[in-house]
N, C-alpha and C. Protein backbone atom coordinates (compact mmCIF):
# COMPACT_ATOMS: atom_id res chain seq x y z
N MET A 1 31.49 15.16 29.83
CA MET A 1 32.87 15.54 30.09
C MET A 1 33.73 15.11 28.89
N PRO A 2 34.43 16.04 28.27
CA PRO A 2 35.26 15.68 27.12
C PRO A 2 36.46 14.82 27.54
N ILE A 3 36.87 13.98 26.63
CA ILE A 3 38.04 13.14 26.87
C ILE A 3 39.30 13.95 26.56
N THR A 4 40.20 14.00 27.51
CA THR A 4 41.47 14.70 27.31
C THR A 4 42.51 13.72 26.76
N ARG A 5 43.60 14.25 26.27
CA ARG A 5 44.68 13.40 25.78
C ARG A 5 45.19 12.51 26.92
N ASP A 6 45.33 13.07 28.12
CA ASP A 6 45.80 12.28 29.27
C ASP A 6 44.83 11.15 29.59
N ARG A 7 43.52 11.44 29.55
CA ARG A 7 42.51 10.41 29.84
C ARG A 7 42.55 9.33 28.76
N LEU A 8 42.73 9.72 27.52
CA LEU A 8 42.81 8.75 26.44
C LEU A 8 44.04 7.86 26.62
N HIS A 9 45.16 8.45 27.01
CA HIS A 9 46.36 7.65 27.29
C HIS A 9 46.10 6.67 28.43
N ASP A 10 45.40 7.11 29.47
CA ASP A 10 45.06 6.22 30.58
C ASP A 10 44.20 5.06 30.10
N MET A 11 43.25 5.36 29.23
CA MET A 11 42.36 4.31 28.70
C MET A 11 43.16 3.29 27.89
N ILE A 12 44.11 3.78 27.09
CA ILE A 12 44.94 2.87 26.29
C ILE A 12 45.83 2.04 27.20
N ASP A 13 46.40 2.66 28.22
CA ASP A 13 47.25 1.93 29.16
C ASP A 13 46.49 0.83 29.89
N ALA A 14 45.20 1.03 30.11
CA ALA A 14 44.38 0.04 30.82
C ALA A 14 43.79 -1.02 29.90
N LEU A 15 43.97 -0.86 28.62
CA LEU A 15 43.38 -1.77 27.63
C LEU A 15 44.07 -3.13 27.66
N PRO A 16 43.29 -4.21 27.74
CA PRO A 16 43.91 -5.54 27.69
C PRO A 16 44.56 -5.78 26.32
N ALA A 17 45.63 -6.52 26.30
CA ALA A 17 46.41 -6.76 25.09
C ALA A 17 45.56 -7.35 23.97
N GLU A 18 44.57 -8.15 24.30
CA GLU A 18 43.76 -8.78 23.26
C GLU A 18 42.90 -7.77 22.49
N HIS A 19 42.83 -6.54 22.97
CA HIS A 19 42.05 -5.50 22.29
C HIS A 19 42.93 -4.50 21.53
N PHE A 20 44.24 -4.71 21.53
CA PHE A 20 45.14 -3.77 20.87
C PHE A 20 44.84 -3.61 19.39
N ASP A 21 44.65 -4.72 18.69
CA ASP A 21 44.40 -4.64 17.24
C ASP A 21 43.13 -3.84 16.95
N ALA A 22 42.06 -4.11 17.69
CA ALA A 22 40.79 -3.41 17.46
C ALA A 22 40.94 -1.92 17.77
N ALA A 23 41.64 -1.59 18.84
CA ALA A 23 41.84 -0.19 19.21
C ALA A 23 42.69 0.53 18.17
N ALA A 24 43.74 -0.13 17.71
CA ALA A 24 44.60 0.49 16.70
C ALA A 24 43.82 0.71 15.41
N HIS A 25 42.99 -0.24 15.04
CA HIS A 25 42.19 -0.09 13.83
C HIS A 25 41.22 1.08 13.97
N ALA A 26 40.56 1.18 15.12
CA ALA A 26 39.61 2.28 15.34
C ALA A 26 40.31 3.63 15.28
N ILE A 27 41.47 3.74 15.89
CA ILE A 27 42.21 5.00 15.86
C ILE A 27 42.68 5.30 14.44
N TRP A 28 43.14 4.27 13.74
CA TRP A 28 43.59 4.45 12.35
C TRP A 28 42.45 4.98 11.48
N LEU A 29 41.25 4.44 11.66
CA LEU A 29 40.10 4.89 10.87
C LEU A 29 39.83 6.39 11.08
N LEU A 30 40.11 6.87 12.28
CA LEU A 30 39.87 8.28 12.57
C LEU A 30 40.95 9.19 11.98
N THR A 31 42.08 8.61 11.60
CA THR A 31 43.19 9.43 11.12
C THR A 31 43.36 9.38 9.61
N VAL A 32 42.67 8.46 8.94
CA VAL A 32 42.79 8.33 7.48
C VAL A 32 42.10 9.52 6.83
N PRO A 33 42.77 10.17 5.90
CA PRO A 33 42.13 11.30 5.22
C PRO A 33 40.89 10.85 4.45
N GLU A 34 39.91 11.72 4.40
CA GLU A 34 38.69 11.41 3.67
C GLU A 34 39.01 11.32 2.18
N ASP A 35 38.41 10.35 1.53
CA ASP A 35 38.60 10.17 0.09
C ASP A 35 37.87 11.30 -0.63
N ASP A 36 38.61 12.15 -1.31
CA ASP A 36 37.98 13.28 -1.99
C ASP A 36 37.99 13.11 -3.50
N GLU A 37 38.32 11.88 -3.96
CA GLU A 37 38.27 11.60 -5.38
C GLU A 37 36.82 11.47 -5.82
N PRO A 38 36.46 12.05 -6.95
CA PRO A 38 35.08 11.91 -7.43
C PRO A 38 34.81 10.47 -7.87
N VAL A 39 33.57 10.04 -7.71
CA VAL A 39 33.16 8.72 -8.17
C VAL A 39 32.85 8.84 -9.66
N THR A 40 33.49 7.98 -10.45
CA THR A 40 33.33 8.05 -11.89
C THR A 40 32.27 7.05 -12.36
N ASP A 41 31.86 7.18 -13.60
CA ASP A 41 30.93 6.22 -14.19
C ASP A 41 31.56 4.83 -14.19
N GLU A 42 32.87 4.77 -14.42
CA GLU A 42 33.58 3.49 -14.39
C GLU A 42 33.50 2.87 -12.99
N ASP A 43 33.65 3.69 -11.94
CA ASP A 43 33.53 3.20 -10.57
C ASP A 43 32.13 2.63 -10.32
N ARG A 44 31.11 3.37 -10.74
CA ARG A 44 29.73 2.93 -10.54
C ARG A 44 29.46 1.61 -11.26
N GLU A 45 30.01 1.47 -12.47
CA GLU A 45 29.83 0.23 -13.22
C GLU A 45 30.53 -0.93 -12.52
N ALA A 46 31.72 -0.70 -11.98
CA ALA A 46 32.45 -1.75 -11.26
C ALA A 46 31.66 -2.20 -10.03
N VAL A 47 31.06 -1.26 -9.31
CA VAL A 47 30.25 -1.61 -8.14
C VAL A 47 29.02 -2.39 -8.58
N ARG A 48 28.37 -1.95 -9.66
CA ARG A 48 27.18 -2.65 -10.15
C ARG A 48 27.53 -4.09 -10.53
N LEU A 49 28.63 -4.28 -11.25
CA LEU A 49 29.05 -5.62 -11.64
C LEU A 49 29.40 -6.48 -10.42
N GLY A 50 30.03 -5.87 -9.43
CA GLY A 50 30.34 -6.59 -8.19
C GLY A 50 29.08 -7.06 -7.47
N HIS A 51 28.06 -6.20 -7.44
CA HIS A 51 26.79 -6.60 -6.82
C HIS A 51 26.15 -7.73 -7.59
N GLU A 52 26.20 -7.69 -8.91
CA GLU A 52 25.64 -8.78 -9.72
C GLU A 52 26.37 -10.09 -9.43
N GLU A 53 27.70 -10.05 -9.36
CA GLU A 53 28.47 -11.25 -9.05
C GLU A 53 28.10 -11.79 -7.68
N TYR A 54 27.92 -10.90 -6.72
CA TYR A 54 27.54 -11.32 -5.37
C TYR A 54 26.18 -12.01 -5.40
N ARG A 55 25.21 -11.41 -6.09
CA ARG A 55 23.86 -12.00 -6.16
C ARG A 55 23.88 -13.37 -6.83
N ARG A 56 24.80 -13.60 -7.75
CA ARG A 56 24.91 -14.89 -8.42
C ARG A 56 25.70 -15.90 -7.59
N GLY A 57 26.19 -15.48 -6.42
CA GLY A 57 26.95 -16.37 -5.55
C GLY A 57 28.40 -16.53 -5.97
N GLU A 58 28.91 -15.57 -6.73
CA GLU A 58 30.28 -15.65 -7.22
C GLU A 58 31.28 -14.89 -6.35
N ALA A 59 30.85 -14.38 -5.23
CA ALA A 59 31.74 -13.64 -4.35
C ALA A 59 32.73 -14.60 -3.69
N VAL A 60 33.92 -14.11 -3.42
CA VAL A 60 34.94 -14.91 -2.74
C VAL A 60 34.98 -14.46 -1.28
N PRO A 61 34.81 -15.39 -0.33
CA PRO A 61 34.89 -15.02 1.09
C PRO A 61 36.26 -14.41 1.42
N HIS A 62 36.29 -13.52 2.39
CA HIS A 62 37.50 -12.80 2.77
C HIS A 62 38.67 -13.75 3.05
N ALA A 63 38.42 -14.78 3.84
CA ALA A 63 39.49 -15.71 4.20
C ALA A 63 40.06 -16.39 2.95
N GLU A 64 39.20 -16.72 1.99
CA GLU A 64 39.66 -17.35 0.75
C GLU A 64 40.47 -16.36 -0.09
N ALA A 65 40.03 -15.12 -0.15
CA ALA A 65 40.77 -14.10 -0.91
C ALA A 65 42.16 -13.91 -0.31
N ILE A 66 42.24 -13.87 1.01
CA ILE A 66 43.54 -13.72 1.69
C ILE A 66 44.44 -14.91 1.36
N ARG A 67 43.86 -16.12 1.38
CA ARG A 67 44.64 -17.33 1.06
C ARG A 67 45.14 -17.27 -0.38
N ARG A 68 44.25 -16.90 -1.32
CA ARG A 68 44.63 -16.84 -2.73
C ARG A 68 45.74 -15.81 -2.99
N LEU A 69 45.72 -14.75 -2.22
CA LEU A 69 46.72 -13.69 -2.39
C LEU A 69 48.03 -14.03 -1.68
N GLY A 70 48.03 -15.15 -0.96
CA GLY A 70 49.24 -15.55 -0.24
C GLY A 70 49.50 -14.73 0.99
N LEU A 71 48.45 -14.12 1.56
CA LEU A 71 48.62 -13.27 2.73
C LEU A 71 48.34 -13.99 4.03
N ALA A 72 47.86 -15.22 3.95
CA ALA A 72 47.57 -16.00 5.16
C ALA A 72 48.88 -16.47 5.77
N GLY A 73 48.96 -16.37 7.09
CA GLY A 73 50.20 -16.74 7.76
C GLY A 73 50.33 -18.12 8.11
């Protein structure tokens, strides 16, 4: 049975508040336009270098990156 707009609204209305962020993120992911930019050689090199840094243990954990950027509340 397909989900109708009314049924989806009912599901959102029944959603506990602690799940709002996750639901909003999931819906946002479905509405973001697909990236249609071509991947360049420069992009591939940046990814390769990032993987090398990660393998050497030089990656910064997400929470630390947020703190360094001053985005932690």
